[in-house]
Amino acid sequence: MGSQGIRDCEFMNAIALRADPLDFVEDLESPIGVYLRRDVFGKKGDAGLRRNLYEGIASEQSDDGSWDQLFVHTANNLWKLALLGYGAKDRSMKKGLDWLLTTQKSMYHDHPGFFYSGNRRDPSLMRETSYGEFGPGCTIFYQTAYAVHLFHVLGLDDKEEVQQTVRSYLKFWTPTWCGAWCTINVLRVLIEHTLSARTKRVQEGLKYLAEKQTGTGAWKSYPFYHTFHGISRAKSKVARVQIENALPSVIRRQNKDGSWGKKDRESSTFLALDGLRNAGSL
């Protein structure tokens, strides 16, 4: 589909982008590429690539279910499997989720349910890795939020271990508890989880971000693509207004080849397109 095709499609509240993102997405031989072509553009035909990617990821999984006993590698690979369309009953996915639960052994300020691998390589690896939906905040908040998100995308919101974590966050978390990355990492999972989506904590977080949004549509001191994507799943008016205000910035930030971002164009493009899809603007 060319640029004219995107403008001609009848999407709800569609925006006119500067370039056709499919020009960039159609060449991605990765889980993100498979997901975007399938779920955003409605294209089929990646069956062989999907299977090859799955086999490559699964072949590197350790016997204990992790990838190298590292939270970052394990979480990212589970996210890749989810992007490829594999569910919680898949053997590699189940082994990985079971390993994640073995890291749920930490208390945070006397609140139970927090994930922490204890691997000394994870904090530096987290800071060095620019990939996916979560960014380098505090190690325990990064790992906990990422784990809860993975259980959510696999339809496991009802799992008691995950609900315990969400209940703990609801008891103490505020948007000023830590830094920007921690705020958006935690808020995005509270927005999407069934126990917390309509709570006062989420509304407080969204109102706090609304105060941070500038006239350009960006959020002061907050990562643009992660913030845009994180709140795109929220159903409240305060979130919708922020998304609407951010749309001109999404358009301006698009690269000539149809992608977004500079350092990690693949992840930034995922966050932009999936956020637009969540908001009904594609």
C-alpha atoms as a PDB file:
ATOM      1  CA  MET A   1       0.000   0.000   0.000  1.00  0.00           C
ATOM      2  CA  GLY A   2       1.470   3.366  -0.994  1.00  0.00           C
ATOM      3  CA  SER A   3       1.108   6.730   0.711  1.00  0.00           C
ATOM      4  CA  GLN A   4      -2.026   7.511  -1.221  1.00  0.00           C
ATOM      5  CA  GLY A   5      -3.469   4.214  -0.009  1.00  0.00           C
ATOM      6  CA  ILE A   6      -3.076   5.246   3.616  1.00  0.00           C
ATOM      7  CA  ARG A   7      -4.817   8.538   3.015  1.00  0.00           C
ATOM      8  CA  ASP A   8      -7.659   6.823   1.161  1.00  0.00           C
ATOM      9  CA  CYS A   9      -8.334   4.209   3.869  1.00  0.00           C
ATOM     10  CA  GLU A  10     -11.357   4.980   5.998  1.00  0.00           C
ATOM     11  CA  PHE A  11      -9.979   4.733   9.529  1.00  0.00           C
ATOM     12  CA  MET A  12     -11.803   6.330  12.455  1.00  0.00           C
ATOM     13  CA  ASN A  13     -10.244   9.709  13.248  1.00  0.00           C
ATOM     14  CA  ALA A  14      -7.452   8.904  10.784  1.00  0.00           C
ATOM     15  CA  ILE A  15      -4.529  11.287  10.547  1.00  0.00           C
ATOM     16  CA  ALA A  16      -2.554  12.114   7.414  1.00  0.00           C
ATOM     17  CA  LEU A  17       1.009  10.941   7.935  1.00  0.00           C
ATOM     18  CA  ARG A  18       4.007  12.398   6.124  1.00  0.00           C
ATOM     19  CA  ALA A  19       5.002   9.027   4.661  1.00  0.00           C
ATOM     20  CA  ASP A  20       3.611   5.532   4.389  1.00  0.00           C
ATOM     21  CA  PRO A  21       4.907   3.568   7.415  1.00  0.00           C
ATOM     22  CA  LEU A  22       4.408   0.326   5.512  1.00  0.00           C
ATOM     23  CA  ASP A  23       7.384   1.307   3.348  1.00  0.00           C
ATOM     24  CA  PHE A  24       9.525   0.748   6.454  1.00  0.00           C
ATOM     25  CA  VAL A  25       7.511  -2.008   8.127  1.00  0.00           C
ATOM     26  CA  GLU A  26       7.273  -4.330   5.128  1.00  0.00           C
ATOM     27  CA  ASP A  27      11.052  -4.953   5.204  1.00  0.00           C
ATOM     28  CA  LEU A  28      11.254  -5.817   8.924  1.00  0.00           C
ATOM     29  CA  GLU A  29      12.041  -9.506   9.311  1.00  0.00           C
ATOM     30  CA  SER A  30      11.469  -9.430  13.064  1.00  0.00           C
ATOM     31  CA  PRO A  31       8.708 -10.075  15.614  1.00  0.00           C
ATOM     32  CA  ILE A  32       7.827  -6.378  15.550  1.00  0.00           C
ATOM     33  CA  GLY A  33       7.548  -6.511  11.772  1.00  0.00           C
ATOM     34  CA  VAL A  34       5.317  -9.606  11.893  1.00  0.00           C
ATOM     35  CA  TYR A  35       3.064  -7.976  14.514  1.00  0.00           C
ATOM     36  CA  LEU A  36       2.733  -4.646  12.708  1.00  0.00           C
ATOM     37  CA  ARG A  37       2.004  -6.218   9.328  1.00  0.00           C
ATOM     38  CA  ARG A  38      -0.593  -8.554  10.858  1.00  0.00           C
ATOM     39  CA  ASP A  39      -2.317  -6.415  13.499  1.00  0.00           C
ATOM     40  CA  VAL A  40      -1.878  -2.866  12.209  1.00  0.00           C
ATOM     41  CA  PHE A  41      -1.917  -3.362   8.437  1.00  0.00           C
ATOM     42  CA  GLY A  42      -3.996  -6.554   8.266  1.00  0.00           C
ATOM     43  CA  LYS A  43      -1.517  -8.356   6.039  1.00  0.00           C
ATOM     44  CA  LYS A  44      -0.881 -12.092   5.924  1.00  0.00           C
ATOM     45  CA  GLY A  45       1.914 -14.201   4.524  1.00  0.00           C
ATOM     46  CA  ASP A  46       4.517 -14.293   7.305  1.00  0.00           C
ATOM     47  CA  ALA A  47       3.926 -17.923   8.331  1.00  0.00           C
ATOM     48  CA  GLY A  48       7.395 -19.132   7.351  1.00  0.00           C
ATOM     49  CA  LEU A  49       9.179 -16.158   8.877  1.00  0.00           C
ATOM     50  CA  ARG A  50       7.085 -16.475  12.030  1.00  0.00           C
ATOM     51  CA  ARG A  51       8.070 -20.091  12.488  1.00  0.00           C
ATOM     52  CA  ASN A  52      11.752 -19.447  11.798  1.00  0.00           C
ATOM     53  CA  LEU A  53      11.826 -16.590  14.298  1.00  0.00           C
ATOM     54  CA  TYR A  54      10.103 -18.750  16.897  1.00  0.00           C
ATOM     55  CA  GLU A  55      12.570 -21.599  16.451  1.00  0.00           C
ATOM     56  CA  GLY A  56      15.517 -19.237  16.745  1.00  0.00           C
ATOM     57  CA  ILE A  57      14.215 -17.701  19.966  1.00  0.00           C
ATOM     58  CA  ALA A  58      13.188 -21.024  21.535  1.00  0.00           C
ATOM     59  CA  SER A  59      16.498 -22.696  20.682  1.00  0.00           C
ATOM     60  CA  GLU A  60      18.364 -20.232  22.909  1.00  0.00           C
ATOM     61  CA  GLN A  61      16.123 -20.781  25.952  1.00  0.00           C
ATOM     62  CA  SER A  62      17.821 -22.312  28.994  1.00  0.00           C
ATOM     63  CA  ASP A  63      16.544 -25.458  30.653  1.00  0.00           C
ATOM     64  CA  ASP A  64      15.202 -23.441  33.598  1.00  0.00           C
ATOM     65  CA  GLY A  65      12.951 -21.436  31.247  1.00  0.00           C
ATOM     66  CA  SER A  66      14.998 -18.241  31.245  1.00  0.00           C
ATOM     67  CA  TRP A  67      17.319 -16.856  28.632  1.00  0.00           C
ATOM     68  CA  ASP A  68      20.778 -16.823  30.273  1.00  0.00           C
ATOM     69  CA  GLN A  69      19.207 -16.349  33.752  1.00  0.00           C
ATOM     70  CA  LEU A  70      18.740 -12.693  32.821  1.00  0.00           C
ATOM     71  CA  PHE A  71      15.456 -10.897  33.328  1.00  0.00           C
ATOM     72  CA  VAL A  72      16.019  -8.487  30.429  1.00  0.00           C
ATOM     73  CA  HIS A  73      16.737 -11.250  27.917  1.00  0.00           C
ATOM     74  CA  THR A  74      13.904 -13.422  29.207  1.00  0.00           C
ATOM     75  CA  ALA A  75      11.285 -10.665  29.217  1.00  0.00           C
ATOM     76  CA  ASN A  76      12.288  -9.394  25.771  1.00  0.00           C
ATOM     77  CA  ASN A  77      12.162 -12.891  24.286  1.00  0.00           C
ATOM     78  CA  LEU A  78       8.759 -13.591  25.827  1.00  0.00           C
ATOM     79  CA  TRP A  79       7.539 -10.292  24.366  1.00  0.00           C
ATOM     80  CA  LYS A  80       8.885 -11.350  20.974  1.00  0.00           C
ATOM     81  CA  LEU A  81       6.966 -14.634  21.208  1.00  0.00           C
ATOM     82  CA  ALA A  82       3.812 -12.707  22.092  1.00  0.00           C
ATOM     83  CA  LEU A  83       4.315 -10.407  19.105  1.00  0.00           C
ATOM     84  CA  LEU A  84       4.607 -13.475  16.899  1.00  0.00           C
ATOM     85  CA  GLY A  85       1.209 -14.578  18.174  1.00  0.00           C
ATOM     86  CA  TYR A  86       2.185 -17.370  20.564  1.00  0.00           C
ATOM     87  CA  GLY A  87       0.074 -17.661  23.710  1.00  0.00           C
ATOM     88  CA  ALA A  88       0.487 -18.724  27.323  1.00  0.00           C
ATOM     89  CA  LYS A  89       0.043 -22.426  26.499  1.00  0.00           C
ATOM     90  CA  ASP A  90       3.043 -22.504  24.165  1.00  0.00           C
ATOM     91  CA  ARG A  91       5.809 -24.623  25.726  1.00  0.00           C
ATOM     92  CA  SER A  92       8.569 -21.994  25.555  1.00  0.00           C
ATOM     93  CA  MET A  93       6.221 -19.264  26.712  1.00  0.00           C
ATOM     94  CA  LYS A  94       5.016 -21.301  29.678  1.00  0.00           C
ATOM     95  CA  LYS A  95       8.565 -22.179  30.740  1.00  0.00           C
ATOM     96  CA  GLY A  96       9.549 -18.522  30.535  1.00  0.00           C
ATOM     97  CA  LEU A  97       6.561 -17.321  32.540  1.00  0.00           C
ATOM     98  CA  ASP A  98       7.253 -19.959  35.187  1.00  0.00           C
ATOM     99  CA  TRP A  99      10.830 -18.667  35.450  1.00  0.00           C
ATOM    100  CA  LEU A 100       9.567 -15.102  35.846  1.00  0.00           C
ATOM    101  CA  LEU A 101       7.467 -16.216  38.798  1.00  0.00           C
ATOM    102  CA  THR A 102      10.584 -17.597  40.506  1.00  0.00           C
ATOM    103  CA  THR A 103      11.911 -14.012  40.579  1.00  0.00           C
ATOM    104  CA  GLN A 104       8.772 -12.704  42.319  1.00  0.00           C
ATOM    105  CA  LYS A 105      10.241 -12.884  45.798  1.00  0.00           C
ATOM    106  CA  SER A 106      10.921  -9.288  46.812  1.00  0.00           C
ATOM    107  CA  MET A 107       9.160  -6.939  49.190  1.00  0.00           C
ATOM    108  CA  TYR A 108       9.149  -3.240  48.372  1.00  0.00           C
ATOM    109  CA  HIS A 109       8.550  -1.000  51.389  1.00  0.00           C
ATOM    110  CA  ASP A 110       6.773  -3.933  53.055  1.00  0.00           C
ATOM    111  CA  HIS A 111       4.601  -4.517  49.972  1.00  0.00           C
ATOM    112  CA  PRO A 112       4.751  -8.038  48.460  1.00  0.00           C
ATOM    113  CA  GLY A 113       4.771  -9.276  44.877  1.00  0.00           C
ATOM    114  CA  PHE A 114       7.767  -7.555  43.322  1.00  0.00           C
ATOM    115  CA  PHE A 115       9.949  -9.166  40.669  1.00  0.00           C
ATOM    116  CA  TYR A 116      13.728  -9.029  40.959  1.00  0.00           C
ATOM    117  CA  SER A 117      16.112 -11.480  39.317  1.00  0.00           C
ATOM    118  CA  GLY A 118      19.097 -10.701  41.496  1.00  0.00           C
ATOM    119  CA  ASN A 119      21.386 -11.101  38.484  1.00  0.00           C
ATOM    120  CA  ARG A 120      24.041  -8.387  38.696  1.00  0.00           C
ATOM    121  CA  ARG A 121      24.179  -8.085  34.917  1.00  0.00           C
ATOM    122  CA  ASP A 122      20.518  -7.090  34.607  1.00  0.00           C
ATOM    123  CA  PRO A 123      20.733  -3.412  35.708  1.00  0.00           C
ATOM    124  CA  SER A 124      23.489  -2.528  33.216  1.00  0.00           C
ATOM    125  CA  LEU A 125      21.837  -4.595  30.500  1.00  0.00           C
ATOM    126  CA  MET A 126      18.561  -2.755  31.126  1.00  0.00           C
ATOM    127  CA  ARG A 127      20.299   0.611  30.737  1.00  0.00           C
ATOM    128  CA  GLU A 128      22.065  -0.517  27.551  1.00  0.00           C
ATOM    129  CA  THR A 129      18.984  -2.025  25.908  1.00  0.00           C
ATOM    130  CA  SER A 130      16.695   0.202  23.855  1.00  0.00           C
ATOM    131  CA  TYR A 131      13.929  -2.174  22.878  1.00  0.00           C
ATOM    132  CA  GLY A 132      10.205  -2.559  23.333  1.00  0.00           C
ATOM    133  CA  GLU A 133       7.674  -0.992  25.634  1.00  0.00           C
ATOM    134  CA  PHE A 134       9.722  -0.499  28.820  1.00  0.00           C
ATOM    135  CA  GLY A 135      12.615   1.826  29.515  1.00  0.00           C
ATOM    136  CA  PRO A 136      15.520   1.981  31.996  1.00  0.00           C
ATOM    137  CA  GLY A 137      14.067   3.049  35.320  1.00  0.00           C
ATOM    138  CA  CYS A 138      14.758   1.513  38.734  1.00  0.00           C
ATOM    139  CA  THR A 139      15.598  -2.166  38.314  1.00  0.00           C
ATOM    140  CA  ILE A 140      12.855  -3.516  40.577  1.00  0.00           C
ATOM    141  CA  PHE A 141      10.151  -1.307  39.028  1.00  0.00           C
ATOM    142  CA  TYR A 142      11.328  -2.120  35.497  1.00  0.00           C
ATOM    143  CA  GLN A 143      11.299  -5.855  36.137  1.00  0.00           C
ATOM    144  CA  THR A 144       8.025  -5.831  38.051  1.00  0.00           C
ATOM    145  CA  ALA A 145       6.121  -3.690  35.548  1.00  0.00           C
ATOM    146  CA  TYR A 146       7.472  -5.642  32.575  1.00  0.00           C
ATOM    147  CA  ALA A 147       6.518  -8.981  34.167  1.00  0.00           C
ATOM    148  CA  VAL A 148       2.977  -7.830  34.980  1.00  0.00           C
ATOM    149  CA  HIS A 149       2.605  -6.563  31.419  1.00  0.00           C
ATOM    150  CA  LEU A 150       3.658  -9.890  29.941  1.00  0.00           C
ATOM    151  CA  PHE A 151       1.071 -11.753  32.007  1.00  0.00           C
ATOM    152  CA  HIS A 152      -1.508  -9.178  30.905  1.00  0.00           C
ATOM    153  CA  VAL A 153      -0.868  -9.485  27.164  1.00  0.00           C
ATOM    154  CA  LEU A 154      -1.173 -13.251  27.528  1.00  0.00           C
ATOM    155  CA  GLY A 155      -4.592 -12.967  29.144  1.00  0.00           C
ATOM    156  CA  LEU A 156      -3.441 -13.815  32.669  1.00  0.00           C
ATOM    157  CA  ASP A 157      -4.699 -10.781  34.602  1.00  0.00           C
ATOM    158  CA  ASP A 158      -6.563 -13.134  36.947  1.00  0.00           C
ATOM    159  CA  LYS A 159      -3.407 -14.896  38.108  1.00  0.00           C
ATOM    160  CA  GLU A 160      -3.194 -14.357  41.886  1.00  0.00           C
ATOM    161  CA  GLU A 161       0.553 -13.620  41.849  1.00  0.00           C
ATOM    162  CA  VAL A 162      -0.018 -10.813  39.349  1.00  0.00           C
ATOM    163  CA  GLN A 163      -3.016  -9.412  41.205  1.00  0.00           C
ATOM    164  CA  GLN A 164      -0.941  -9.301  44.383  1.00  0.00           C
ATOM    165  CA  THR A 165       1.569  -7.070  42.621  1.00  0.00           C
ATOM    166  CA  VAL A 166      -1.107  -4.736  41.273  1.00  0.00           C
ATOM    167  CA  ARG A 167      -2.746  -4.477  44.697  1.00  0.00           C
ATOM    168  CA  SER A 168       0.624  -3.533  46.189  1.00  0.00           C
ATOM    169  CA  TYR A 169       1.136  -0.762  43.635  1.00  0.00           C
ATOM    170  CA  LEU A 170      -2.353   0.568  44.341  1.00  0.00           C
ATOM    171  CA  LYS A 171      -1.494   0.937  48.024  1.00  0.00           C
ATOM    172  CA  PHE A 172       1.495   3.230  47.660  1.00  0.00           C
ATOM    173  CA  TRP A 173       2.321   4.278  44.083  1.00  0.00           C
ATOM    174  CA  THR A 174       2.031   7.883  42.971  1.00  0.00           C
ATOM    175  CA  PRO A 175       3.349   9.469  39.754  1.00  0.00           C
ATOM    176  CA  THR A 176       5.999  11.346  41.758  1.00  0.00           C
ATOM    177  CA  TRP A 177       7.260   8.250  43.580  1.00  0.00           C
ATOM    178  CA  CYS A 178      10.325   7.923  41.368  1.00  0.00           C
ATOM    179  CA  GLY A 179      11.673   9.262  38.064  1.00  0.00           C
ATOM    180  CA  ALA A 180      10.089   9.613  34.634  1.00  0.00           C
ATOM    181  CA  TRP A 181      10.907   6.119  33.372  1.00  0.00           C
ATOM    182  CA  CYS A 182       9.550   4.475  36.517  1.00  0.00           C
ATOM    183  CA  THR A 183       6.403   6.570  36.300  1.00  0.00           C
ATOM    184  CA  ILE A 184       5.537   5.589  32.749  1.00  0.00           C
ATOM    185  CA  ASN A 185       6.634   1.953  33.229  1.00  0.00           C
ATOM    186  CA  VAL A 186       4.301   1.512  36.208  1.00  0.00           C
ATOM    187  CA  LEU A 187       1.458   3.679  34.916  1.00  0.00           C
ATOM    188  CA  ARG A 188       1.193   1.756  31.645  1.00  0.00           C
ATOM    189  CA  VAL A 189       0.543  -1.530  33.480  1.00  0.00           C
ATOM    190  CA  LEU A 190      -1.932   0.075  35.883  1.00  0.00           C
ATOM    191  CA  ILE A 191      -3.768   1.516  32.861  1.00  0.00           C
ATOM    192  CA  GLU A 192      -4.146  -1.890  31.245  1.00  0.00           C
ATOM    193  CA  HIS A 193      -4.735  -4.245  34.185  1.00  0.00           C
ATOM    194  CA  THR A 194      -8.349  -5.021  35.029  1.00  0.00           C
ATOM    195  CA  LEU A 195      -7.866  -4.422  38.770  1.00  0.00           C
ATOM    196  CA  SER A 196      -6.434  -0.946  38.348  1.00  0.00           C
ATOM    197  CA  ALA A 197      -7.626   0.502  35.027  1.00  0.00           C
ATOM    198  CA  ARG A 198     -10.430   2.589  36.549  1.00  0.00           C
ATOM    199  CA  THR A 199      -8.812   3.476  39.855  1.00  0.00           C
ATOM    200  CA  LYS A 200      -7.904   6.811  41.390  1.00  0.00           C
ATOM    201  CA  ARG A 201      -4.209   5.936  41.056  1.00  0.00           C
ATOM    202  CA  VAL A 202      -4.485   5.817  37.274  1.00  0.00           C
ATOM    203  CA  GLN A 203      -6.438   9.062  37.106  1.00  0.00           C
ATOM    204  CA  GLU A 204      -3.840  10.760  39.291  1.00  0.00           C
ATOM    205  CA  GLY A 205      -1.093   9.512  36.991  1.00  0.00           C
ATOM    206  CA  LEU A 206      -2.859  10.701  33.850  1.00  0.00           C
ATOM    207  CA  LYS A 207      -3.574  14.127  35.355  1.00  0.00           C
ATOM    208  CA  TYR A 208       0.061  14.426  36.381  1.00  0.00           C
ATOM    209  CA  LEU A 209       1.173  13.711  32.805  1.00  0.00           C
ATOM    210  CA  ALA A 210      -1.370  16.219  31.489  1.00  0.00           C
ATOM    211  CA  GLU A 211       0.405  18.875  33.544  1.00  0.00           C
ATOM    212  CA  LYS A 212       3.704  17.807  31.993  1.00  0.00           C
ATOM    213  CA  GLN A 213       2.455  18.053  28.390  1.00  0.00           C
ATOM    214  CA  THR A 214       3.752  21.098  26.545  1.00  0.00           C
ATOM    215  CA  GLY A 215       2.363  23.068  23.628  1.00  0.00           C
ATOM    216  CA  THR A 216       4.324  20.861  21.228  1.00  0.00           C
ATOM    217  CA  GLY A 217       2.375  17.794  22.366  1.00  0.00           C
ATOM    218  CA  ALA A 218       5.391  16.228  24.075  1.00  0.00           C
ATOM    219  CA  TRP A 219       5.692  15.629  27.817  1.00  0.00           C
ATOM    220  CA  LYS A 220       8.465  17.568  29.562  1.00  0.00           C
ATOM    221  CA  SER A 221      11.269  15.247  30.724  1.00  0.00           C
ATOM    222  CA  TYR A 222       9.326  12.155  29.601  1.00  0.00           C
ATOM    223  CA  PRO A 223      10.199   9.799  26.710  1.00  0.00           C
ATOM    224  CA  PHE A 224       7.789  10.767  23.939  1.00  0.00           C
ATOM    225  CA  TYR A 225       7.068   7.448  22.230  1.00  0.00           C
ATOM    226  CA  HIS A 226       6.768   5.414  25.437  1.00  0.00           C
ATOM    227  CA  THR A 227       4.495   7.992  27.039  1.00  0.00           C
ATOM    228  CA  PHE A 228       2.312   8.269  23.945  1.00  0.00           C
ATOM    229  CA  HIS A 229       2.004   4.510  23.662  1.00  0.00           C
ATOM    230  CA  GLY A 230       1.481   3.969  27.383  1.00  0.00           C
ATOM    231  CA  ILE A 231      -1.493   6.302  27.708  1.00  0.00           C
ATOM    232  CA  SER A 232      -2.977   5.334  24.335  1.00  0.00           C
ATOM    233  CA  ARG A 233      -4.623   2.370  26.080  1.00  0.00           C
ATOM    234  CA  ALA A 234      -6.381   4.533  28.675  1.00  0.00           C
ATOM    235  CA  LYS A 235     -10.105   5.134  28.242  1.00  0.00           C
ATOM    236  CA  SER A 236     -10.513   8.404  30.159  1.00  0.00           C
ATOM    237  CA  LYS A 237     -11.054  11.874  28.766  1.00  0.00           C
ATOM    238  CA  VAL A 238      -7.828  13.216  30.261  1.00  0.00           C
ATOM    239  CA  ALA A 239      -5.896  10.589  28.293  1.00  0.00           C
ATOM    240  CA  ARG A 240      -7.804  11.199  25.052  1.00  0.00           C
ATOM    241  CA  VAL A 241      -7.076  14.928  25.230  1.00  0.00           C
ATOM    242  CA  GLN A 242      -3.357  14.258  25.657  1.00  0.00           C
ATOM    243  CA  ILE A 243      -3.319  11.843  22.720  1.00  0.00           C
ATOM    244  CA  GLU A 244      -5.094  14.395  20.533  1.00  0.00           C
ATOM    245  CA  ASN A 245      -2.592  17.069  21.567  1.00  0.00           C
ATOM    246  CA  ALA A 246       0.290  14.718  20.774  1.00  0.00           C
ATOM    247  CA  LEU A 247      -0.838  13.778  17.253  1.00  0.00           C
ATOM    248  CA  PRO A 248       0.812  16.765  15.505  1.00  0.00           C
ATOM    249  CA  SER A 249       4.088  15.795  17.186  1.00  0.00           C
ATOM    250  CA  VAL A 250       3.695  12.184  16.030  1.00  0.00           C
ATOM    251  CA  ILE A 251       3.314  13.474  12.478  1.00  0.00           C
ATOM    252  CA  ARG A 252       6.288  15.847  12.737  1.00  0.00           C
ATOM    253  CA  ARG A 253       8.565  13.172  14.173  1.00  0.00           C
ATOM    254  CA  GLN A 254       8.019  10.663  11.367  1.00  0.00           C
ATOM    255  CA  ASN A 255      11.080   9.980   9.233  1.00  0.00           C
ATOM    256  CA  LYS A 256      11.065  10.174   5.445  1.00  0.00           C
ATOM    257  CA  ASP A 257      11.247   6.387   5.142  1.00  0.00           C
ATOM    258  CA  GLY A 258       7.990   6.004   7.112  1.00  0.00           C
ATOM    259  CA  SER A 259       9.634   5.060  10.414  1.00  0.00           C
ATOM    260  CA  TRP A 260       9.907   6.920  13.713  1.00  0.00           C
ATOM    261  CA  GLY A 261      12.841   7.449  16.056  1.00  0.00           C
ATOM    262  CA  LYS A 262      16.597   7.653  15.683  1.00  0.00           C
ATOM    263  CA  LYS A 263      18.456   5.255  17.991  1.00  0.00           C
ATOM    264  CA  ASP A 264      15.980   2.386  17.732  1.00  0.00           C
ATOM    265  CA  ARG A 265      13.694   3.043  14.803  1.00  0.00           C
ATOM    266  CA  GLU A 266      12.046  -0.366  15.010  1.00  0.00           C
ATOM    267  CA  SER A 267      10.840   0.048  18.597  1.00  0.00           C
ATOM    268  CA  SER A 268       9.903   3.701  18.102  1.00  0.00           C
ATOM    269  CA  THR A 269       7.898   2.785  15.008  1.00  0.00           C
ATOM    270  CA  PHE A 270       6.110   0.053  16.954  1.00  0.00           C
ATOM    271  CA  LEU A 271       5.263   2.487  19.770  1.00  0.00           C
ATOM    272  CA  ALA A 272       4.015   5.134  17.346  1.00  0.00           C
ATOM    273  CA  LEU A 273       1.918   2.836  15.142  1.00  0.00           C
ATOM    274  CA  ASP A 274       0.516   0.689  17.941  1.00  0.00           C
ATOM    275  CA  GLY A 275      -0.291   3.847  19.895  1.00  0.00           C
ATOM    276  CA  LEU A 276      -2.104   5.342  16.915  1.00  0.00           C
ATOM    277  CA  ARG A 277      -3.980   2.062  16.488  1.00  0.00           C
ATOM    278  CA  ASN A 278      -4.973   2.004  20.165  1.00  0.00           C
ATOM    279  CA  ALA A 279      -6.216   5.563  19.867  1.00  0.00           C
ATOM    280  CA  GLY A 280      -8.218   4.847  16.701  1.00  0.00           C
ATOM    281  CA  SER A 281      -6.125   7.273  14.673  1.00  0.00           C
ATOM    282  CA  LEU A 282      -4.928   4.911  11.956  1.00  0.00           C
END
